[in-house]
N, C-alpha and C. Protein backbone atom coordinates (compact mmCIF):
# COMPACT_ATOMS: atom_id res chain seq x y z
N MET A 1 47.17 119.67 101.72
CA MET A 1 46.15 118.93 100.95
C MET A 1 45.05 118.26 101.64
N ARG A 2 43.88 118.35 101.30
CA ARG A 2 42.67 117.86 101.93
C ARG A 2 42.83 116.22 101.90
N HIS A 3 42.50 115.53 102.93
CA HIS A 3 42.61 114.07 103.00
C HIS A 3 41.33 113.55 102.89
N PHE A 4 40.96 112.74 101.81
CA PHE A 4 39.71 112.09 101.39
C PHE A 4 39.82 110.67 102.09
N ASP A 5 38.85 110.57 103.02
CA ASP A 5 38.56 109.27 103.57
C ASP A 5 37.26 108.51 103.04
N LEU A 6 37.55 107.99 101.94
CA LEU A 6 36.29 107.34 101.09
C LEU A 6 36.20 105.85 101.30
N GLY A 7 36.85 105.44 102.48
CA GLY A 7 36.75 103.67 102.54
C GLY A 7 37.94 103.23 101.91
N PRO A 8 38.03 101.80 102.32
CA PRO A 8 39.29 101.01 102.09
C PRO A 8 39.38 100.80 100.39
N SER A 9 40.65 100.58 100.09
CA SER A 9 40.75 100.21 98.71
C SER A 9 41.74 98.81 98.85
N GLU A 10 41.69 98.14 97.79
CA GLU A 10 42.33 96.92 97.72
C GLU A 10 43.79 97.06 97.13
N ASP A 11 44.01 98.41 96.59
CA ASP A 11 45.41 98.78 96.15
C ASP A 11 46.33 99.07 97.14
N ALA A 12 47.60 98.28 97.06
CA ALA A 12 48.53 98.67 97.93
C ALA A 12 48.84 100.12 98.10
N ASN A 13 48.83 100.86 97.03
CA ASN A 13 49.32 102.36 96.81
C ASN A 13 48.15 103.12 96.82
N ALA A 14 47.06 102.77 97.58
CA ALA A 14 45.88 103.67 97.52
C ALA A 14 45.96 104.95 98.34
N ASP A 15 46.92 104.94 99.17
CA ASP A 15 47.18 106.22 99.94
C ASP A 15 48.19 107.07 99.42
N GLU A 16 48.91 106.49 98.32
CA GLU A 16 49.85 107.28 97.76
C GLU A 16 49.24 108.46 96.84
N VAL A 17 49.77 109.65 97.04
CA VAL A 17 49.22 110.86 96.26
C VAL A 17 50.32 111.06 95.11
N LEU A 18 49.90 111.24 93.89
CA LEU A 18 50.58 111.65 92.75
C LEU A 18 50.33 112.99 92.19
N ASP A 19 51.56 113.75 91.94
CA ASP A 19 51.52 115.05 91.34
C ASP A 19 51.27 114.70 89.88
N VAL A 20 50.23 115.13 89.17
CA VAL A 20 50.09 114.88 87.76
C VAL A 20 50.23 116.30 87.11
N LEU A 21 51.40 116.60 87.11
CA LEU A 21 51.88 118.06 86.54
C LEU A 21 50.99 119.05 87.09
N GLY A 22 50.77 119.09 88.41
CA GLY A 22 50.19 120.28 88.97
C GLY A 22 48.82 119.62 89.79
N PRO A 23 47.79 119.07 89.34
CA PRO A 23 46.88 118.53 90.20
C PRO A 23 47.45 117.23 90.98
N ARG A 24 46.92 117.08 92.04
CA ARG A 24 47.43 115.95 92.88
C ARG A 24 46.22 115.07 93.01
N ILE A 25 46.38 113.64 92.92
CA ILE A 25 45.41 112.76 92.86
C ILE A 25 45.71 111.56 93.65
N ARG A 26 44.75 110.92 93.98
CA ARG A 26 44.81 109.66 94.85
C ARG A 26 43.86 108.56 94.31
N PHE A 27 44.18 107.49 93.90
CA PHE A 27 43.12 106.47 93.27
C PHE A 27 42.41 105.94 94.40
N VAL A 28 41.04 106.18 94.39
CA VAL A 28 40.16 105.47 95.50
C VAL A 28 39.92 104.16 95.10
N THR A 29 39.60 103.77 93.88
CA THR A 29 39.59 102.44 93.55
C THR A 29 40.82 101.79 93.01
N ALA A 30 41.06 100.67 93.33
CA ALA A 30 42.22 100.01 92.76
C ALA A 30 42.16 99.92 91.15
N LEU A 31 43.58 100.18 90.73
CA LEU A 31 43.59 100.12 89.27
C LEU A 31 43.73 98.70 88.91
N SER A 32 43.22 98.33 87.63
CA SER A 32 43.10 97.15 87.16
C SER A 32 43.55 97.23 85.74
N ASP A 33 43.86 96.10 85.05
CA ASP A 33 44.17 96.06 83.54
C ASP A 33 43.05 96.06 82.67
N ARG A 34 41.85 96.10 83.36
CA ARG A 34 40.60 95.99 82.49
C ARG A 34 40.10 97.54 81.98
N ASP A 35 40.34 97.81 80.75
CA ASP A 35 40.28 99.01 80.24
C ASP A 35 38.89 99.66 80.58
N ASN A 36 37.83 99.02 80.44
CA ASN A 36 36.53 99.58 80.60
C ASN A 36 35.83 99.57 82.05
N ASP A 37 36.62 99.18 83.00
CA ASP A 37 36.15 99.33 84.27
C ASP A 37 36.25 100.69 84.72
N TYR A 38 35.43 101.08 85.73
CA TYR A 38 35.34 102.38 86.23
C TYR A 38 36.47 102.63 87.21
N CYS A 39 37.00 103.77 87.38
CA CYS A 39 37.95 104.23 88.40
C CYS A 39 37.42 105.52 89.09
N LEU A 40 37.62 105.55 90.35
CA LEU A 40 37.19 106.71 91.18
C LEU A 40 38.47 107.38 91.69
N ILE A 41 38.63 108.77 91.39
CA ILE A 41 40.01 109.24 91.84
C ILE A 41 39.59 110.62 92.58
N ALA A 42 40.37 110.85 93.66
CA ALA A 42 40.05 112.18 94.35
C ALA A 42 41.34 113.01 93.98
N ALA A 43 40.98 114.12 93.55
CA ALA A 43 41.83 115.29 93.24
C ALA A 43 41.82 116.58 93.97
N ASP A 44 43.08 117.29 94.09
CA ASP A 44 42.97 118.60 94.56
C ASP A 44 43.86 119.37 93.41
N PHE A 45 43.26 120.55 93.28
CA PHE A 45 43.84 121.51 92.29
C PHE A 45 44.15 122.80 93.19
N PRO A 46 45.35 122.83 93.45
CA PRO A 46 46.09 124.00 94.07
C PRO A 46 45.70 125.49 93.30
N THR A 47 45.57 126.42 93.85
CA THR A 47 45.22 127.78 93.09
C THR A 47 46.35 127.87 92.14
N GLY A 48 45.91 128.26 90.73
CA GLY A 48 46.91 128.65 89.66
C GLY A 48 47.19 127.36 88.74
N ILE A 49 46.71 126.21 89.18
CA ILE A 49 46.94 125.04 88.41
C ILE A 49 46.02 125.08 87.22
N VAL A 50 46.68 124.57 85.99
CA VAL A 50 45.98 124.55 84.65
C VAL A 50 46.21 123.30 84.02
N VAL A 51 45.18 122.79 83.77
CA VAL A 51 45.23 121.44 82.85
C VAL A 51 44.97 121.89 81.32
N PRO A 52 46.05 121.91 80.42
CA PRO A 52 45.87 122.46 79.09
C PRO A 52 44.82 121.69 78.19
N VAL A 53 44.39 122.34 77.18
CA VAL A 53 43.33 121.77 76.13
C VAL A 53 43.80 120.39 75.81
N HIS A 54 43.21 119.50 75.83
CA HIS A 54 43.37 118.01 75.62
C HIS A 54 42.15 117.35 75.12
N SER A 55 42.13 116.07 74.46
CA SER A 55 41.06 115.20 74.33
C SER A 55 41.53 113.82 74.37
N HIS A 56 40.55 113.00 74.69
CA HIS A 56 40.94 111.51 74.74
C HIS A 56 39.59 110.81 74.64
N ALA A 57 39.66 109.61 74.36
CA ALA A 57 38.40 108.78 73.91
C ALA A 57 37.62 108.44 75.24
N GLU A 58 38.33 108.35 76.36
CA GLU A 58 37.44 108.06 77.60
C GLU A 58 36.62 109.16 78.21
N ARG A 59 35.59 108.83 78.65
CA ARG A 59 34.66 109.83 79.43
C ARG A 59 35.26 110.22 80.63
N GLU A 60 35.01 111.48 81.09
CA GLU A 60 35.42 111.86 82.38
C GLU A 60 34.12 112.55 83.12
N THR A 61 33.78 112.15 84.18
CA THR A 61 32.91 113.01 84.94
C THR A 61 33.39 113.55 86.32
N PHE A 62 33.35 114.74 86.50
CA PHE A 62 34.20 115.62 87.55
C PHE A 62 32.85 116.12 88.47
N TYR A 63 33.06 115.99 89.90
CA TYR A 63 32.02 116.49 90.81
C TYR A 63 32.88 116.95 91.73
N LEU A 64 32.61 118.54 91.78
CA LEU A 64 33.34 119.42 92.61
C LEU A 64 32.86 119.36 93.95
N LEU A 65 33.76 118.97 94.91
CA LEU A 65 33.49 118.94 96.35
C LEU A 65 33.58 120.22 97.03
N GLN A 66 34.66 120.94 96.80
CA GLN A 66 35.01 122.19 97.46
C GLN A 66 35.77 123.17 96.55
N GLY A 67 35.46 124.43 96.79
CA GLY A 67 36.34 125.51 95.88
C GLY A 67 35.58 125.78 94.61
N GLU A 68 36.29 126.37 93.60
CA GLU A 68 35.72 126.81 92.42
C GLU A 68 36.73 126.53 91.40
N MET A 69 36.42 126.08 90.15
CA MET A 69 37.20 125.57 89.03
C MET A 69 36.49 126.36 87.71
N GLN A 70 37.31 126.60 86.75
CA GLN A 70 36.88 126.94 85.45
C GLN A 70 37.26 125.82 84.58
N VAL A 71 36.27 125.48 83.90
CA VAL A 71 36.30 124.29 82.86
C VAL A 71 35.95 124.81 81.39
N LEU A 72 36.67 124.31 80.40
CA LEU A 72 36.52 124.68 79.08
C LEU A 72 35.98 123.38 78.39
N TRP A 73 34.96 123.76 77.65
CA TRP A 73 34.03 122.47 76.67
C TRP A 73 34.21 123.25 75.31
N GLU A 74 35.05 122.69 74.47
CA GLU A 74 35.36 123.17 73.32
C GLU A 74 35.91 124.50 73.36
N ASN A 75 35.19 125.58 73.10
CA ASN A 75 35.86 126.86 73.31
C ASN A 75 35.24 127.70 74.17
N ARG A 76 34.36 127.32 75.14
CA ARG A 76 33.73 128.19 76.00
C ARG A 76 34.01 127.66 77.58
N TRP A 77 34.47 128.82 78.27
CA TRP A 77 34.83 128.70 79.79
C TRP A 77 33.64 128.79 80.59
N THR A 78 33.41 127.92 81.59
CA THR A 78 32.29 128.10 82.49
C THR A 78 32.91 127.96 84.00
N THR A 79 32.47 128.55 84.86
CA THR A 79 32.89 128.49 86.39
C THR A 79 31.99 127.59 87.12
N LEU A 80 32.52 126.62 87.85
CA LEU A 80 31.85 125.75 88.64
C LEU A 80 32.10 125.93 90.21
N SER A 81 31.18 125.73 90.96
CA SER A 81 31.53 125.66 92.52
C SER A 81 31.13 124.40 92.86
N ALA A 82 31.31 124.25 94.29
CA ALA A 82 30.98 123.01 94.95
C ALA A 82 29.66 122.44 94.56
N GLY A 83 29.51 121.27 94.36
CA GLY A 83 28.28 120.56 94.04
C GLY A 83 28.00 120.42 92.68
N ALA A 84 28.82 121.09 91.76
CA ALA A 84 28.84 121.20 90.32
C ALA A 84 29.09 119.73 89.77
N VAL A 85 28.72 119.39 88.56
CA VAL A 85 29.14 118.11 87.75
C VAL A 85 29.59 118.64 86.57
N PHE A 86 30.81 118.11 86.00
CA PHE A 86 31.01 118.40 84.75
C PHE A 86 31.45 117.23 84.00
N ASP A 87 30.68 116.84 83.00
CA ASP A 87 30.62 115.54 82.29
C ASP A 87 31.19 115.61 80.92
N VAL A 88 32.16 114.94 80.57
CA VAL A 88 32.99 115.23 79.24
C VAL A 88 33.00 113.88 78.65
N PRO A 89 32.10 113.75 77.61
CA PRO A 89 32.08 112.61 76.61
C PRO A 89 33.61 112.41 75.99
N GLY A 90 33.74 111.10 75.60
CA GLY A 90 34.98 111.06 74.92
C GLY A 90 35.30 111.92 73.62
N ASP A 91 36.49 112.15 73.35
CA ASP A 91 36.87 112.89 72.18
C ASP A 91 36.39 114.53 72.16
N VAL A 92 35.99 115.11 73.24
CA VAL A 92 35.61 116.38 73.43
C VAL A 92 36.91 117.17 73.78
N LYS A 93 37.24 118.32 73.21
CA LYS A 93 38.26 119.12 73.69
C LYS A 93 37.88 119.74 75.04
N HIS A 94 38.83 119.72 75.98
CA HIS A 94 38.43 120.43 77.26
C HIS A 94 39.71 120.70 77.94
N ALA A 95 39.55 121.65 79.00
CA ALA A 95 40.58 122.02 79.74
C ALA A 95 39.94 122.36 81.13
N LEU A 96 40.85 122.45 82.30
CA LEU A 96 40.55 122.77 83.61
C LEU A 96 41.50 123.88 84.14
N ARG A 97 41.01 124.75 85.01
CA ARG A 97 42.07 125.67 85.60
C ARG A 97 41.41 126.13 86.94
N ASN A 98 42.27 126.46 87.88
CA ASN A 98 41.89 127.00 89.15
C ASN A 98 42.47 128.39 89.04
N VAL A 99 41.62 129.36 88.89
CA VAL A 99 42.05 130.72 88.91
C VAL A 99 41.50 131.44 90.17
N SER A 100 40.94 130.63 91.10
CA SER A 100 40.53 131.26 92.49
C SER A 100 41.58 131.39 93.45
N GLY A 101 41.40 132.17 94.56
CA GLY A 101 42.42 132.06 95.54
C GLY A 101 42.49 131.03 96.51
N ALA A 102 41.85 129.88 96.28
CA ALA A 102 41.89 128.68 97.11
C ALA A 102 41.95 127.38 96.41
N SER A 103 42.39 126.39 97.04
CA SER A 103 42.43 125.05 96.34
C SER A 103 41.15 124.45 96.06
N ALA A 104 40.90 123.85 95.09
CA ALA A 104 39.68 123.01 94.86
C ALA A 104 39.74 121.51 94.90
N SER A 105 38.88 120.75 95.62
CA SER A 105 38.80 119.39 95.51
C SER A 105 37.67 118.76 94.64
N LEU A 106 38.01 117.65 94.12
CA LEU A 106 36.97 117.19 93.19
C LEU A 106 37.02 115.45 93.22
N LEU A 107 36.02 114.92 92.80
CA LEU A 107 36.03 113.34 92.44
C LEU A 107 35.99 113.34 91.03
N LEU A 108 36.75 112.45 90.57
CA LEU A 108 36.76 112.21 89.06
C LEU A 108 36.40 110.63 88.78
N VAL A 109 35.52 110.55 87.94
CA VAL A 109 35.22 108.99 87.56
C VAL A 109 35.42 108.90 86.06
N THR A 110 36.26 107.92 85.87
CA THR A 110 36.78 107.84 84.25
C THR A 110 36.95 106.25 84.26
N LEU A 111 37.41 105.72 83.01
CA LEU A 111 37.82 104.45 82.83
C LEU A 111 39.23 104.03 83.28
N MET A 112 39.51 102.80 83.51
CA MET A 112 40.82 102.37 83.92
C MET A 112 41.90 102.77 83.00
N ARG A 113 41.53 102.78 81.65
CA ARG A 113 42.59 103.02 80.69
C ARG A 113 43.24 104.63 81.02
N HIS A 114 42.22 105.33 81.30
CA HIS A 114 42.61 106.69 81.52
C HIS A 114 43.19 106.98 82.74
N ALA A 115 42.83 106.18 83.80
CA ALA A 115 43.34 106.20 85.15
C ALA A 115 44.75 105.63 85.06
N ARG A 116 45.03 104.54 84.19
CA ARG A 116 46.44 104.14 84.07
C ARG A 116 47.33 105.21 83.45
N PHE A 117 46.84 105.94 82.47
CA PHE A 117 47.57 107.15 81.86
C PHE A 117 47.93 108.17 82.86
N LEU A 118 46.92 108.58 83.76
CA LEU A 118 47.36 109.61 84.73
C LEU A 118 48.51 109.00 85.66
N ARG A 119 48.38 107.58 86.17
CA ARG A 119 49.39 107.08 86.83
C ARG A 119 50.73 107.24 86.09
N ASP A 120 50.76 106.97 84.86
CA ASP A 120 52.00 106.91 84.02
C ASP A 120 52.67 108.22 83.90
N ILE A 121 51.88 109.42 84.02
CA ILE A 121 52.45 110.67 83.82
C ILE A 121 52.68 111.09 85.01
N GLY A 122 52.11 110.62 86.17
CA GLY A 122 52.31 111.25 87.50
C GLY A 122 53.58 110.93 88.21
N ARG A 123 53.92 111.57 89.28
CA ARG A 123 55.07 111.34 90.15
C ARG A 123 54.70 111.54 91.57
N PRO A 124 55.38 110.68 92.47
CA PRO A 124 54.95 110.82 93.86
C PRO A 124 54.95 112.27 94.22
N ALA A 125 53.95 112.72 94.92
CA ALA A 125 53.87 114.06 95.36
C ALA A 125 54.88 114.43 96.34
N ALA A 126 55.43 113.41 97.19
CA ALA A 126 56.37 113.92 98.11
C ALA A 126 57.65 114.07 97.48
N LEU A 127 57.80 113.54 96.37
CA LEU A 127 59.05 113.90 95.52
C LEU A 127 58.91 115.15 94.60
N ALA A 128 57.73 115.41 94.39
CA ALA A 128 57.49 116.77 93.46
C ALA A 128 57.80 117.98 94.21
N GLY A 129 57.33 117.95 95.47
CA GLY A 129 57.69 119.27 96.29
C GLY A 129 56.92 120.47 95.77
N GLY A 130 55.95 120.35 94.93
CA GLY A 130 55.18 121.51 94.60
C GLY A 130 55.94 122.36 93.36
N GLY A 131 57.02 121.71 93.05
CA GLY A 131 57.72 122.39 91.93
C GLY A 131 56.99 122.34 90.41
N ALA A 132 57.61 123.04 89.54
CA ALA A 132 57.08 122.89 88.25
C ALA A 132 57.51 121.62 87.75
N PRO A 133 56.72 121.03 86.66
CA PRO A 133 57.11 119.82 86.06
C PRO A 133 58.81 119.99 85.53
N THR A 134 59.49 118.98 85.56
CA THR A 134 60.80 118.91 84.93
C THR A 134 60.72 118.74 83.44
N PRO A 135 61.84 118.84 82.69
CA PRO A 135 61.72 118.26 81.31
C PRO A 135 61.50 116.82 81.22
N ALA A 136 61.95 116.03 82.05
CA ALA A 136 61.81 114.75 82.01
C ALA A 136 60.20 114.33 82.39
N ASP A 137 59.61 115.03 83.15
CA ASP A 137 58.03 115.12 83.36
C ASP A 137 57.29 115.30 82.33
N LEU A 138 57.71 116.43 81.48
CA LEU A 138 56.98 116.89 80.19
C LEU A 138 57.31 115.82 79.08
N GLN A 139 58.48 115.31 79.04
CA GLN A 139 58.82 114.21 78.16
C GLN A 139 57.92 112.99 78.44
N ARG A 140 57.71 112.65 79.60
CA ARG A 140 56.76 111.43 79.92
C ARG A 140 55.43 111.82 79.65
N LEU A 141 54.89 112.87 79.72
CA LEU A 141 53.46 113.34 79.21
C LEU A 141 53.60 113.10 77.67
N VAL A 142 54.39 113.66 76.91
CA VAL A 142 54.38 113.61 75.53
C VAL A 142 54.49 112.02 75.02
N GLU A 143 55.29 111.30 75.70
CA GLU A 143 55.43 109.69 75.22
C GLU A 143 54.18 109.19 75.54
N ALA A 144 53.57 109.38 76.86
CA ALA A 144 52.38 108.61 77.26
C ALA A 144 51.09 109.19 76.45
N SER A 145 51.07 110.47 75.89
CA SER A 145 49.93 110.84 75.26
C SER A 145 50.02 110.25 73.87
N ARG A 146 51.21 110.12 73.36
CA ARG A 146 51.48 109.37 72.13
C ARG A 146 51.08 107.88 72.09
N ALA A 147 51.53 107.42 73.27
CA ALA A 147 51.20 105.91 73.28
C ALA A 147 49.76 105.61 73.64
N TYR A 148 49.13 106.53 74.11
CA TYR A 148 47.60 106.28 74.54
C TYR A 148 46.83 106.92 73.36
N GLY A 149 47.24 107.57 72.44
CA GLY A 149 46.52 108.08 71.28
C GLY A 149 45.78 109.29 71.69
N TYR A 150 46.33 110.09 72.86
CA TYR A 150 45.60 111.34 73.12
C TYR A 150 46.04 112.51 72.56
N TRP A 151 45.08 113.51 72.34
CA TRP A 151 45.38 114.65 71.68
C TRP A 151 45.71 115.67 72.70
N ARG A 152 46.84 116.37 72.36
CA ARG A 152 47.15 117.51 73.25
C ARG A 152 47.38 118.73 72.42
N GLY A 153 46.72 119.90 73.03
CA GLY A 153 46.67 121.15 72.11
C GLY A 153 48.00 121.72 72.05
N SER A 154 48.33 122.44 70.93
CA SER A 154 49.41 123.24 70.76
C SER A 154 49.54 124.25 71.61
N PRO A 155 50.67 125.20 71.74
CA PRO A 155 50.66 126.32 72.39
C PRO A 155 49.63 127.50 71.69
N ALA A 156 49.42 127.35 70.33
CA ALA A 156 48.55 128.05 69.75
C ALA A 156 47.16 127.72 70.09
N ASP A 157 46.85 126.43 70.26
CA ASP A 157 45.48 126.03 70.49
C ASP A 157 45.11 126.57 72.01
N ASN A 158 45.98 126.40 72.86
CA ASN A 158 45.80 126.75 74.17
C ASN A 158 45.68 128.45 74.39
N SER A 159 46.54 129.19 73.61
CA SER A 159 46.62 130.62 73.53
C SER A 159 45.12 131.17 73.07
N ALA A 160 44.64 130.38 72.11
CA ALA A 160 43.28 130.65 71.67
C ALA A 160 42.21 130.69 72.63
N VAL A 161 42.41 129.88 73.61
CA VAL A 161 41.19 129.91 74.68
C VAL A 161 41.82 130.50 75.94
N GLY A 162 42.87 131.31 75.98
CA GLY A 162 43.21 132.05 77.14
C GLY A 162 44.37 131.37 78.24
N ILE A 163 44.91 130.20 77.59
CA ILE A 163 45.78 129.48 78.31
C ILE A 163 47.31 129.79 77.87
N SER A 164 48.16 130.16 78.79
CA SER A 164 49.51 130.45 78.44
C SER A 164 50.30 129.38 78.97
N LEU A 165 51.21 128.78 78.06
CA LEU A 165 51.93 127.57 78.55
C LEU A 165 53.35 127.86 78.81
N GLY A 166 53.75 129.31 78.81
CA GLY A 166 55.11 129.66 78.87
C GLY A 166 55.40 130.30 80.03
C-alpha cells in the first residue's frame, strides 16, 4: 500500500488504515461529530476492487493521484487516470471499480457524516488481511446503510451496469 504523508493530524488514529470492504482508507483530517465539516481521506483501490452502485446525501469529490479507475455516474462508465477529478453531488447513483492491472490511489473529500459511515463499516486493515468481507462485515454494511439512510443497489441494479456481486 502506498503511504500518504500529507502532514500531521490531530486524530490519535490518523495512521490507522481501514479496509472498507475492499478499498483501504486513512483519515487525513481528524473525524468530528460536526456533520457538515469536511473530511479528507486517502484511499487505495487494489486491482479488482469494486464499490457497488449506491447513493447518499453527502457530496464526494475524488482526485485520482495514481493509477486508473472506472467510475459510474447514473448508468454510464467513464475511465479516469491520474490527475482526474470525479465530483458526485448528493443523491446521485454511482459506483467505482479498478479493473486495471495496478493499484489506484486517490484523495476523497466528503462530509464528516459520510466519513463516520466509512469508519463504521471499516475494519482495521491489519486484521482484514486482504480477505473477502465476512458475513459480519456485510451485515455491518447493511445496518450502517440503513441507519445513515443510504441507498444500496440490489444485485439486479448492479448487474444492469455490469457489476457482479457473486
